[in-house]
Amino acid sequence: MDVPAFSVRIKRLIADIPRGRVATYGLIAACAGNHRASRQVAWLLHSSSRKDKLPWHRVINSRGGISLPIGGGFEEQKMLLEAEGIVLDQKGRVNLSRYLWNPGSVAGM
């Protein structure tokens, strides 16, 4: 697998997540071509979301939760999601059946 091309697909998918929707690390990895690359999605978000202006806050874990720790980004991500109308429960989880983005034809990039 061409790693740079895979990274580009990941970034493109993240950039395409619409306002008011979320995607999981695993969904992004699978749609980019490697369902086992969730950690690479997280690494790319950590290393390039600011410089590439990616909507990093729209990517959450497979349980619908914010993976960042309290005091280490959790509050910022929660605030950004709520500003887009996404409702989180008291544990910081999103109802995936309501807010999960379905990339549809984007997955065939």
PDB file of N, CA and C in Angstrom:
ATOM      1  N   MET A   1       0.846  -1.181   0.000  1.00  0.00           N
ATOM      2  CA  MET A   1       0.000   0.000   0.000  1.00  0.00           C
ATOM      3  C   MET A   1       0.888   1.240   0.000  1.00  0.00           C
ATOM      4  N   ASP A   2       0.541   2.189  -0.811  1.00  0.00           N
ATOM      5  CA  ASP A   2       1.280   3.453  -0.894  1.00  0.00           C
ATOM      6  C   ASP A   2       0.891   4.329   0.294  1.00  0.00           C
ATOM      7  N   VAL A   3       1.792   4.434   1.277  1.00  0.00           N
ATOM      8  CA  VAL A   3       1.489   5.153   2.517  1.00  0.00           C
ATOM      9  C   VAL A   3       1.157   6.622   2.278  1.00  0.00           C
ATOM     10  N   PRO A   4       1.948   7.368   1.464  1.00  0.00           N
ATOM     11  CA  PRO A   4       1.568   8.775   1.245  1.00  0.00           C
ATOM     12  C   PRO A   4       0.174   8.930   0.632  1.00  0.00           C
ATOM     13  N   ALA A   5      -0.174   8.064  -0.316  1.00  0.00           N
ATOM     14  CA  ALA A   5      -1.506   8.143  -0.927  1.00  0.00           C
ATOM     15  C   ALA A   5      -2.584   7.804   0.102  1.00  0.00           C
ATOM     16  N   PHE A   6      -2.302   6.837   0.957  1.00  0.00           N
ATOM     17  CA  PHE A   6      -3.245   6.464   2.011  1.00  0.00           C
ATOM     18  C   PHE A   6      -3.465   7.647   2.958  1.00  0.00           C
ATOM     19  N   SER A   7      -2.405   8.319   3.320  1.00  0.00           N
ATOM     20  CA  SER A   7      -2.506   9.495   4.192  1.00  0.00           C
ATOM     21  C   SER A   7      -3.332  10.592   3.536  1.00  0.00           C
ATOM     22  N   VAL A   8      -3.145  10.779   2.257  1.00  0.00           N
ATOM     23  CA  VAL A   8      -3.924  11.789   1.521  1.00  0.00           C
ATOM     24  C   VAL A   8      -5.400  11.421   1.549  1.00  0.00           C
ATOM     25  N   ARG A   9      -5.715  10.140   1.360  1.00  0.00           N
ATOM     26  CA  ARG A   9      -7.124   9.707   1.398  1.00  0.00           C
ATOM     27  C   ARG A   9      -7.721   9.939   2.783  1.00  0.00           C
ATOM     28  N   ILE A  10      -6.950   9.645   3.819  1.00  0.00           N
ATOM     29  CA  ILE A  10      -7.432   9.875   5.178  1.00  0.00           C
ATOM     30  C   ILE A  10      -7.752  11.352   5.380  1.00  0.00           C
ATOM     31  N   LYS A  11      -6.824  12.210   5.013  1.00  0.00           N
ATOM     32  CA  LYS A  11      -7.029  13.650   5.196  1.00  0.00           C
ATOM     33  C   LYS A  11      -8.222  14.143   4.398  1.00  0.00           C
ATOM     34  N   ARG A  12      -8.385  13.634   3.201  1.00  0.00           N
ATOM     35  CA  ARG A  12      -9.514  14.049   2.356  1.00  0.00           C
ATOM     36  C   ARG A  12     -10.838  13.632   2.983  1.00  0.00           C
ATOM     37  N   LEU A  13     -10.885  12.419   3.504  1.00  0.00           N
ATOM     38  CA  LEU A  13     -12.109  11.946   4.158  1.00  0.00           C
ATOM     39  C   LEU A  13     -12.439  12.791   5.381  1.00  0.00           C
ATOM     40  N   ILE A  14     -11.439  13.069   6.201  1.00  0.00           N
ATOM     41  CA  ILE A  14     -11.676  13.885   7.390  1.00  0.00           C
ATOM     42  C   ILE A  14     -12.178  15.270   6.990  1.00  0.00           C
ATOM     43  N   ALA A  15     -11.571  15.843   5.970  1.00  0.00           N
ATOM     44  CA  ALA A  15     -11.989  17.167   5.500  1.00  0.00           C
ATOM     45  C   ALA A  15     -13.436  17.148   4.999  1.00  0.00           C
ATOM     46  N   ASP A  16     -13.898  15.997   4.523  1.00  0.00           N
ATOM     47  CA  ASP A  16     -15.249  15.887   3.971  1.00  0.00           C
ATOM     48  C   ASP A  16     -16.343  15.641   5.008  1.00  0.00           C
ATOM     49  N   ILE A  17     -15.967  15.379   6.263  1.00  0.00           N
ATOM     50  CA  ILE A  17     -16.996  15.144   7.286  1.00  0.00           C
ATOM     51  C   ILE A  17     -17.802  16.438   7.435  1.00  0.00           C
ATOM     52  N   PRO A  18     -19.094  16.370   7.178  1.00  0.00           N
ATOM     53  CA  PRO A  18     -19.895  17.600   7.254  1.00  0.00           C
ATOM     54  C   PRO A  18     -20.107  18.095   8.686  1.00  0.00           C
ATOM     55  N   ARG A  19     -20.331  19.364   8.775  1.00  0.00           N
ATOM     56  CA  ARG A  19     -20.665  19.996  10.054  1.00  0.00           C
ATOM     57  C   ARG A  19     -21.882  19.287  10.643  1.00  0.00           C
ATOM     58  N   GLY A  20     -21.835  19.019  11.942  1.00  0.00           N
ATOM     59  CA  GLY A  20     -22.956  18.362  12.601  1.00  0.00           C
ATOM     60  C   GLY A  20     -22.948  16.846  12.491  1.00  0.00           C
ATOM     61  N   ARG A  21     -21.868  16.294  11.955  1.00  0.00           N
ATOM     62  CA  ARG A  21     -21.715  14.840  11.823  1.00  0.00           C
ATOM     63  C   ARG A  21     -20.370  14.424  12.395  1.00  0.00           C
ATOM     64  N   VAL A  22     -20.232  13.144  12.710  1.00  0.00           N
ATOM     65  CA  VAL A  22     -18.972  12.606  13.194  1.00  0.00           C
ATOM     66  C   VAL A  22     -18.625  11.358  12.396  1.00  0.00           C
ATOM     67  N   ALA A  23     -17.363  10.965  12.481  1.00  0.00           N
ATOM     68  CA  ALA A  23     -16.892   9.700  11.921  1.00  0.00           C
ATOM     69  C   ALA A  23     -15.980   9.072  12.960  1.00  0.00           C
ATOM     70  N   THR A  24     -15.850   7.779  12.901  1.00  0.00           N
ATOM     71  CA  THR A  24     -14.941   7.100  13.827  1.00  0.00           C
ATOM     72  C   THR A  24     -13.591   6.919  13.148  1.00  0.00           C
ATOM     73  N   TYR A  25     -12.571   6.712  13.979  1.00  0.00           N
ATOM     74  CA  TYR A  25     -11.232   6.454  13.453  1.00  0.00           C
ATOM     75  C   TYR A  25     -11.275   5.255  12.515  1.00  0.00           C
ATOM     76  N   GLY A  26     -11.985   4.208  12.927  1.00  0.00           N
ATOM     77  CA  GLY A  26     -12.076   2.993  12.124  1.00  0.00           C
ATOM     78  C   GLY A  26     -12.810   3.187  10.811  1.00  0.00           C
ATOM     79  N   LEU A  27     -13.861   3.981  10.828  1.00  0.00           N
ATOM     80  CA  LEU A  27     -14.598   4.264   9.591  1.00  0.00           C
ATOM     81  C   LEU A  27     -13.705   4.990   8.593  1.00  0.00           C
ATOM     82  N   ILE A  28     -12.972   5.982   9.077  1.00  0.00           N
ATOM     83  CA  ILE A  28     -12.070   6.721   8.193  1.00  0.00           C
ATOM     84  C   ILE A  28     -11.010   5.780   7.627  1.00  0.00           C
ATOM     85  N   ALA A  29     -10.429   4.944   8.485  1.00  0.00           N
ATOM     86  CA  ALA A  29      -9.397   4.005   8.032  1.00  0.00           C
ATOM     87  C   ALA A  29      -9.951   3.052   6.971  1.00  0.00           C
ATOM     88  N   ALA A  30     -11.122   2.493   7.228  1.00  0.00           N
ATOM     89  CA  ALA A  30     -11.726   1.552   6.280  1.00  0.00           C
ATOM     90  C   ALA A  30     -12.043   2.220   4.944  1.00  0.00           C
ATOM     91  N   CYS A  31     -12.606   3.400   5.002  1.00  0.00           N
ATOM     92  CA  CYS A  31     -12.952   4.111   3.768  1.00  0.00           C
ATOM     93  C   CYS A  31     -11.708   4.532   2.988  1.00  0.00           C
ATOM     94  N   ALA A  32     -10.608   4.723   3.696  1.00  0.00           N
ATOM     95  CA  ALA A  32      -9.352   5.091   3.039  1.00  0.00           C
ATOM     96  C   ALA A  32      -8.637   3.863   2.473  1.00  0.00           C
ATOM     97  N   GLY A  33      -9.093   2.668   2.855  1.00  0.00           N
ATOM     98  CA  GLY A  33      -8.534   1.472   2.264  1.00  0.00           C
ATOM     99  C   GLY A  33      -7.858   0.485   3.198  1.00  0.00           C
ATOM    100  N   ASN A  34      -7.850   0.743   4.505  1.00  0.00           N
ATOM    101  CA  ASN A  34      -7.237  -0.198   5.445  1.00  0.00           C
ATOM    102  C   ASN A  34      -8.000  -0.158   6.760  1.00  0.00           C
ATOM    103  N   HIS A  35      -8.902  -1.100   6.939  1.00  0.00           N
ATOM    104  CA  HIS A  35      -9.743  -1.122   8.140  1.00  0.00           C
ATOM    105  C   HIS A  35      -8.953  -1.324   9.430  1.00  0.00           C
ATOM    106  N   ARG A  36      -7.675  -1.662   9.328  1.00  0.00           N
ATOM    107  CA  ARG A  36      -6.843  -1.883  10.514  1.00  0.00           C
ATOM    108  C   ARG A  36      -5.986  -0.663  10.871  1.00  0.00           C
ATOM    109  N   ALA A  37      -6.217   0.453  10.239  1.00  0.00           N
ATOM    110  CA  ALA A  37      -5.327   1.611  10.398  1.00  0.00           C
ATOM    111  C   ALA A  37      -5.917   2.737  11.253  1.00  0.00           C
ATOM    112  N   SER A  38      -6.736   2.393  12.217  1.00  0.00           N
ATOM    113  CA  SER A  38      -7.334   3.415  13.083  1.00  0.00           C
ATOM    114  C   SER A  38      -6.271   4.261  13.773  1.00  0.00           C
ATOM    115  N   ARG A  39      -5.199   3.623  14.213  1.00  0.00           N
ATOM    116  CA  ARG A  39      -4.133   4.360  14.899  1.00  0.00           C
ATOM    117  C   ARG A  39      -3.434   5.337  13.960  1.00  0.00           C
ATOM    118  N   GLN A  40      -3.333   4.993  12.688  1.00  0.00           N
ATOM    119  CA  GLN A  40      -2.730   5.917  11.730  1.00  0.00           C
ATOM    120  C   GLN A  40      -3.630   7.137  11.547  1.00  0.00           C
ATOM    121  N   VAL A  41      -4.925   6.930  11.561  1.00  0.00           N
ATOM    122  CA  VAL A  41      -5.861   8.059  11.486  1.00  0.00           C
ATOM    123  C   VAL A  41      -5.630   8.983  12.684  1.00  0.00           C
ATOM    124  N   ALA A  42      -5.522   8.396  13.867  1.00  0.00           N
ATOM    125  CA  ALA A  42      -5.282   9.198  15.072  1.00  0.00           C
ATOM    126  C   ALA A  42      -3.947   9.937  14.975  1.00  0.00           C
ATOM    127  N   TRP A  43      -2.927   9.266  14.489  1.00  0.00           N
ATOM    128  CA  TRP A  43      -1.604   9.889  14.352  1.00  0.00           C
ATOM    129  C   TRP A  43      -1.660  11.067  13.380  1.00  0.00           C
ATOM    130  N   LEU A  44      -2.332  10.874  12.242  1.00  0.00           N
ATOM    131  CA  LEU A  44      -2.452  11.971  11.263  1.00  0.00           C
ATOM    132  C   LEU A  44      -3.221  13.151  11.841  1.00  0.00           C
ATOM    133  N   LEU A  45      -4.265  12.867  12.596  1.00  0.00           N
ATOM    134  CA  LEU A  45      -5.009  13.954  13.238  1.00  0.00           C
ATOM    135  C   LEU A  45      -4.106  14.717  14.195  1.00  0.00           C
ATOM    136  N   HIS A  46      -3.338  13.985  14.968  1.00  0.00           N
ATOM    137  CA  HIS A  46      -2.441  14.622  15.939  1.00  0.00           C
ATOM    138  C   HIS A  46      -1.356  15.453  15.253  1.00  0.00           C
ATOM    139  N   SER A  47      -0.823  14.924  14.169  1.00  0.00           N
ATOM    140  CA  SER A  47       0.332  15.573  13.544  1.00  0.00           C
ATOM    141  C   SER A  47      -0.013  16.644  12.512  1.00  0.00           C
ATOM    142  N   SER A  48      -1.199  16.600  11.946  1.00  0.00           N
ATOM    143  CA  SER A  48      -1.437  17.534  10.849  1.00  0.00           C
ATOM    144  C   SER A  48      -2.802  18.200  10.811  1.00  0.00           C
ATOM    145  N   SER A  49      -3.640  17.999  11.825  1.00  0.00           N
ATOM    146  CA  SER A  49      -4.980  18.590  11.751  1.00  0.00           C
ATOM    147  C   SER A  49      -4.941  20.113  11.771  1.00  0.00           C
ATOM    148  N   ARG A  50      -4.059  20.695  12.543  1.00  0.00           N
ATOM    149  CA  ARG A  50      -3.982  22.161  12.601  1.00  0.00           C
ATOM    150  C   ARG A  50      -3.419  22.735  11.306  1.00  0.00           C
ATOM    151  N   LYS A  51      -2.289  22.206  10.862  1.00  0.00           N
ATOM    152  CA  LYS A  51      -1.664  22.774   9.654  1.00  0.00           C
ATOM    153  C   LYS A  51      -2.516  22.543   8.402  1.00  0.00           C
ATOM    154  N   ASP A  52      -3.242  21.440   8.357  1.00  0.00           N
ATOM    155  CA  ASP A  52      -4.098  21.151   7.199  1.00  0.00           C
ATOM    156  C   ASP A  52      -5.540  21.606   7.409  1.00  0.00           C
ATOM    157  N   LYS A  53      -5.796  22.238   8.564  1.00  0.00           N
ATOM    158  CA  LYS A  53      -7.126  22.755   8.898  1.00  0.00           C
ATOM    159  C   LYS A  53      -8.210  21.680   8.784  1.00  0.00           C
ATOM    160  N   LEU A  54      -7.917  20.517   9.365  1.00  0.00           N
ATOM    161  CA  LEU A  54      -8.871  19.418   9.352  1.00  0.00           C
ATOM    162  C   LEU A  54      -9.842  19.559  10.522  1.00  0.00           C
ATOM    163  N   PRO A  55     -11.088  19.170  10.332  1.00  0.00           N
ATOM    164  CA  PRO A  55     -12.062  19.214  11.430  1.00  0.00           C
ATOM    165  C   PRO A  55     -11.843  18.022  12.380  1.00  0.00           C
ATOM    166  N   TRP A  56     -10.722  18.034  13.059  1.00  0.00           N
ATOM    167  CA  TRP A  56     -10.280  16.940  13.929  1.00  0.00           C
ATOM    168  C   TRP A  56     -11.321  16.559  14.974  1.00  0.00           C
ATOM    169  N   HIS A  57     -12.075  17.549  15.399  1.00  0.00           N
ATOM    170  CA  HIS A  57     -13.035  17.313  16.476  1.00  0.00           C
ATOM    171  C   HIS A  57     -14.194  16.406  16.042  1.00  0.00           C
ATOM    172  N   ARG A  58     -14.361  16.198  14.762  1.00  0.00           N
ATOM    173  CA  ARG A  58     -15.456  15.361  14.253  1.00  0.00           C
ATOM    174  C   ARG A  58     -15.095  13.878  14.210  1.00  0.00           C
ATOM    175  N   VAL A  59     -13.882  13.533  14.609  1.00  0.00           N
ATOM    176  CA  VAL A  59     -13.460  12.130  14.610  1.00  0.00           C
ATOM    177  C   VAL A  59     -13.435  11.634  16.060  1.00  0.00           C
ATOM    178  N   ILE A  60     -14.175  10.557  16.292  1.00  0.00           N
ATOM    179  CA  ILE A  60     -14.339  10.017  17.643  1.00  0.00           C
ATOM    180  C   ILE A  60     -14.078   8.511  17.625  1.00  0.00           C
ATOM    181  N   ASN A  61     -14.131   7.892  18.785  1.00  0.00           N
ATOM    182  CA  ASN A  61     -13.845   6.455  18.827  1.00  0.00           C
ATOM    183  C   ASN A  61     -15.077   5.622  18.464  1.00  0.00           C
ATOM    184  N   SER A  62     -14.871   4.325  18.358  1.00  0.00           N
ATOM    185  CA  SER A  62     -15.926   3.422  17.879  1.00  0.00           C
ATOM    186  C   SER A  62     -17.106   3.308  18.837  1.00  0.00           C
ATOM    187  N   ARG A  63     -16.937   3.725  20.079  1.00  0.00           N
ATOM    188  CA  ARG A  63     -18.034   3.716  21.050  1.00  0.00           C
ATOM    189  C   ARG A  63     -18.806   5.028  21.038  1.00  0.00           C
ATOM    190  N   GLY A  64     -18.403   5.937  20.150  1.00  0.00           N
ATOM    191  CA  GLY A  64     -19.065   7.231  20.079  1.00  0.00           C
ATOM    192  C   GLY A  64     -18.495   8.232  21.051  1.00  0.00           C
ATOM    193  N   GLY A  65     -17.358   7.913  21.635  1.00  0.00           N
ATOM    194  CA  GLY A  65     -16.787   8.776  22.655  1.00  0.00           C
ATOM    195  C   GLY A  65     -15.596   9.591  22.196  1.00  0.00           C
ATOM    196  N   ILE A  66     -15.320  10.600  22.968  1.00  0.00           N
ATOM    197  CA  ILE A  66     -14.133  11.425  22.774  1.00  0.00           C
ATOM    198  C   ILE A  66     -12.970  10.676  23.404  1.00  0.00           C
ATOM    199  N   SER A  67     -11.905  10.484  22.652  1.00  0.00           N
ATOM    200  CA  SER A  67     -10.757   9.727  23.149  1.00  0.00           C
ATOM    201  C   SER A  67      -9.770  10.572  23.936  1.00  0.00           C
ATOM    202  N   LEU A  68      -9.822  11.864  23.761  1.00  0.00           N
ATOM    203  CA  LEU A  68      -8.894  12.734  24.483  1.00  0.00           C
ATOM    204  C   LEU A  68      -9.243  12.761  25.962  1.00  0.00           C
ATOM    205  N   PRO A  69      -8.227  12.855  26.820  1.00  0.00           N
ATOM    206  CA  PRO A  69      -8.495  12.861  28.261  1.00  0.00           C
ATOM    207  C   PRO A  69      -9.056  14.195  28.748  1.00  0.00           C
ATOM    208  N   ILE A  70      -9.756  14.137  29.846  1.00  0.00           N
ATOM    209  CA  ILE A  70     -10.230  15.359  30.501  1.00  0.00           C
ATOM    210  C   ILE A  70      -8.998  16.158  30.899  1.00  0.00           C
ATOM    211  N   GLY A  71      -9.001  17.422  30.569  1.00  0.00           N
ATOM    212  CA  GLY A  71      -7.855  18.280  30.822  1.00  0.00           C
ATOM    213  C   GLY A  71      -6.796  18.197  29.731  1.00  0.00           C
ATOM    214  N   GLY A  72      -7.025  17.364  28.729  1.00  0.00           N
ATOM    215  CA  GLY A  72      -6.057  17.195  27.647  1.00  0.00           C
ATOM    216  C   GLY A  72      -6.690  17.269  26.278  1.00  0.00           C
ATOM    217  N   GLY A  73      -7.749  18.061  26.166  1.00  0.00           N
ATOM    218  CA  GLY A  73      -8.406  18.239  24.880  1.00  0.00           C
ATOM    219  C   GLY A  73      -9.864  17.820  24.864  1.00  0.00           C
ATOM    220  N   PHE A  74     -10.272  17.016  25.848  1.00  0.00           N
ATOM    221  CA  PHE A  74     -11.657  16.549  25.911  1.00  0.00           C
ATOM    222  C   PHE A  74     -12.643  17.710  25.861  1.00  0.00           C
ATOM    223  N   GLU A  75     -12.403  18.693  26.709  1.00  0.00           N
ATOM    224  CA  GLU A  75     -13.340  19.816  26.822  1.00  0.00           C
ATOM    225  C   GLU A  75     -13.439  20.607  25.517  1.00  0.00           C
ATOM    226  N   GLU A  76     -12.306  20.809  24.861  1.00  0.00           N
ATOM    227  CA  GLU A  76     -12.309  21.556  23.596  1.00  0.00           C
ATOM    228  C   GLU A  76     -13.086  20.795  22.517  1.00  0.00           C
ATOM    229  N   GLN A  77     -12.843  19.489  22.409  1.00  0.00           N
ATOM    230  CA  GLN A  77     -13.550  18.705  21.409  1.00  0.00           C
ATOM    231  C   GLN A  77     -15.044  18.687  21.696  1.00  0.00           C
ATOM    232  N   LYS A  78     -15.405  18.522  22.951  1.00  0.00           N
ATOM    233  CA  LYS A  78     -16.823  18.517  23.332  1.00  0.00           C
ATOM    234  C   LYS A  78     -17.477  19.851  22.980  1.00  0.00           C
ATOM    235  N   MET A  79     -16.796  20.946  23.281  1.00  0.00           N
ATOM    236  CA  MET A  79     -17.325  22.271  22.985  1.00  0.00           C
ATOM    237  C   MET A  79     -17.512  22.470  21.476  1.00  0.00           C
ATOM    238  N   LEU A  80     -16.546  22.034  20.684  1.00  0.00           N
ATOM    239  CA  LEU A  80     -16.640  22.191  19.230  1.00  0.00           C
ATOM    240  C   LEU A  80     -17.779  21.355  18.645  1.00  0.00           C
ATOM    241  N   LEU A  81     -17.941  20.140  19.147  1.00  0.00           N
ATOM    242  CA  LEU A  81     -19.037  19.294  18.675  1.00  0.00           C
ATOM    243  C   LEU A  81     -20.389  19.892  19.054  1.00  0.00           C
ATOM    244  N   GLU A  82     -20.515  20.346  20.288  1.00  0.00           N
ATOM    245  CA  GLU A  82     -21.779  20.951  20.725  1.00  0.00           C
ATOM    246  C   GLU A  82     -22.082  22.223  19.952  1.00  0.00           C
ATOM    247  N   ALA A  83     -21.071  22.973  19.574  1.00  0.00           N
ATOM    248  CA  ALA A  83     -21.276  24.187  18.779  1.00  0.00           C
ATOM    249  C   ALA A  83     -21.852  23.869  17.404  1.00  0.00           C
ATOM    250  N   GLU A  84     -21.669  22.625  16.950  1.00  0.00           N
ATOM    251  CA  GLU A  84     -22.227  22.192  15.667  1.00  0.00           C
ATOM    252  C   GLU A  84     -23.576  21.502  15.835  1.00  0.00           C
ATOM    253  N   GLY A  85     -24.106  21.513  17.063  1.00  0.00           N
ATOM    254  CA  GLY A  85     -25.419  20.924  17.310  1.00  0.00           C
ATOM    255  C   GLY A  85     -25.395  19.456  17.671  1.00  0.00           C
ATOM    256  N   ILE A  86     -24.220  18.895  17.884  1.00  0.00           N
ATOM    257  CA  ILE A  86     -24.111  17.486  18.253  1.00  0.00           C
ATOM    258  C   ILE A  86     -24.305  17.371  19.763  1.00  0.00           C
ATOM    259  N   VAL A  87     -25.217  16.498  20.158  1.00  0.00           N
ATOM    260  CA  VAL A  87     -25.522  16.299  21.568  1.00  0.00           C
ATOM    261  C   VAL A  87     -24.658  15.158  22.096  1.00  0.00           C
ATOM    262  N   LEU A  88     -23.994  15.408  23.229  1.00  0.00           N
ATOM    263  CA  LEU A  88     -23.189  14.386  23.887  1.00  0.00           C
ATOM    264  C   LEU A  88     -23.814  14.077  25.238  1.00  0.00           C
ATOM    265  N   ASP A  89     -23.697  12.819  25.655  1.00  0.00           N
ATOM    266  CA  ASP A  89     -24.206  12.477  26.975  1.00  0.00           C
ATOM    267  C   ASP A  89     -23.204  12.907  28.041  1.00  0.00           C
ATOM    268  N   GLN A  90     -23.481  12.617  29.297  1.00  0.00           N
ATOM    269  CA  GLN A  90     -22.632  13.081  30.391  1.00  0.00           C
ATOM    270  C   GLN A  90     -21.236  12.475  30.361  1.00  0.00           C
ATOM    271  N   LYS A  91     -21.073  11.359  29.663  1.00  0.00           N
ATOM    272  CA  LYS A  91     -19.757  10.726  29.549  1.00  0.00           C
ATOM    273  C   LYS A  91     -19.020  11.165  28.282  1.00  0.00           C
ATOM    274  N   GLY A  92     -19.616  12.104  27.559  1.00  0.00           N
ATOM    275  CA  GLY A  92     -18.973  12.608  26.347  1.00  0.00           C
ATOM    276  C   GLY A  92     -19.157  11.705  25.147  1.00  0.00           C
ATOM    277  N   ARG A  93     -20.235  10.948  25.115  1.00  0.00           N
ATOM    278  CA  ARG A  93     -20.509  10.058  23.990  1.00  0.00           C
ATOM    279  C   ARG A  93     -21.576  10.641  23.080  1.00  0.00           C
ATOM    280  N   VAL A  94     -21.413  10.345  21.813  1.00  0.00           N
ATOM    281  CA  VAL A  94     -22.324  10.789  20.763  1.00  0.00           C
ATOM    282  C   VAL A  94     -23.208   9.610  20.364  1.00  0.00           C
ATOM    283  N   ASN A  95     -24.460   9.864  20.068  1.00  0.00           N
ATOM    284  CA  ASN A  95     -25.361   8.834  19.562  1.00  0.00           C
ATOM    285  C   ASN A  95     -24.979   8.588  18.097  1.00  0.00           C
ATOM    286  N   LEU A  96     -24.263   7.497  17.845  1.00  0.00           N
ATOM    287  CA  LEU A  96     -23.777   7.226  16.486  1.00  0.00           C
ATOM    288  C   LEU A  96     -24.908   6.979  15.499  1.00  0.00           C
ATOM    289  N   SER A  97     -26.008   6.407  15.952  1.00  0.00           N
ATOM    290  CA  SER A  97     -27.113   6.169  15.012  1.00  0.00           C
ATOM    291  C   SER A  97     -27.704   7.484  14.513  1.00  0.00           C
ATOM    292  N   ARG A  98     -27.496   8.545  15.263  1.00  0.00           N
ATOM    293  CA  ARG A  98     -28.022   9.855  14.863  1.00  0.00           C
ATOM    294  C   ARG A  98     -26.994  10.724  14.126  1.00  0.00           C
ATOM    295  N   TYR A  99     -25.732  10.685  14.567  1.00  0.00           N
ATOM    296  CA  TYR A  99     -24.748  11.641  14.068  1.00  0.00           C
ATOM    297  C   TYR A  99     -23.639  11.050  13.194  1.00  0.00           C
ATOM    298  N   LEU A 100     -23.585   9.720  13.058  1.00  0.00           N
ATOM    299  CA  LEU A 100     -22.498   9.126  12.279  1.00  0.00           C
ATOM    300  C   LEU A 100     -22.642   9.471  10.804  1.00  0.00           C
ATOM    301  N   TRP A 101     -21.577   9.969  10.247  1.00  0.00           N
ATOM    302  CA  TRP A 101     -21.516  10.321   8.828  1.00  0.00           C
ATOM    303  C   TRP A 101     -21.379   9.073   7.986  1.00  0.00           C
ATOM    304  N   ASN A 102     -22.124   9.012   6.902  1.00  0.00           N
ATOM    305  CA  ASN A 102     -21.995   7.927   5.944  1.00  0.00           C
ATOM    306  C   ASN A 102     -21.344   8.500   4.693  1.00  0.00           C
ATOM    307  N   PRO A 103     -20.070   8.204   4.484  1.00  0.00           N
ATOM    308  CA  PRO A 103     -19.364   8.809   3.358  1.00  0.00           C
ATOM    309  C   PRO A 103     -19.901   8.404   1.988  1.00  0.00           C
ATOM    310  N   GLY A 104     -20.671   7.332   1.908  1.00  0.00           N
ATOM    311  CA  GLY A 104     -21.274   6.929   0.651  1.00  0.00           C
ATOM    312  C   GLY A 104     -20.270   6.794  -0.473  1.00  0.00           C
ATOM    313  N   SER A 105     -20.458   7.571  -1.514  1.00  0.00           N
ATOM    314  CA  SER A 105     -19.608   7.452  -2.701  1.00  0.00           C
ATOM    315  C   SER A 105     -18.184   7.962  -2.457  1.00  0.00           C
ATOM    316  N   VAL A 106     -17.979   8.694  -1.371  1.00  0.00           N
ATOM    317  CA  VAL A 106     -16.627   9.183  -1.067  1.00  0.00           C
ATOM    318  C   VAL A 106     -15.701   8.010  -0.805  1.00  0.00           C
ATOM    319  N   ALA A 107     -16.237   6.904  -0.292  1.00  0.00           N
ATOM    320  CA  ALA A 107     -15.420   5.752   0.049  1.00  0.00           C
ATOM    321  C   ALA A 107     -14.728   5.149  -1.162  1.00  0.00           C
ATOM    322  N   GLY A 108     -15.217   5.393  -2.322  1.00  0.00           N
ATOM    323  CA  GLY A 108     -14.613   4.839  -3.520  1.00  0.00           C
ATOM    324  C   GLY A 108     -13.511   5.665  -4.122  1.00  0.00           C
ATOM    325  N   MET A 109     -12.935   6.555  -3.340  1.00  0.00           N
ATOM    326  CA  MET A 109     -11.889   7.448  -3.862  1.00  0.00           C
ATOM    327  C   MET A 109     -10.755   6.678  -4.471  1.00  0.00           C
TER     328      MET A 109
END
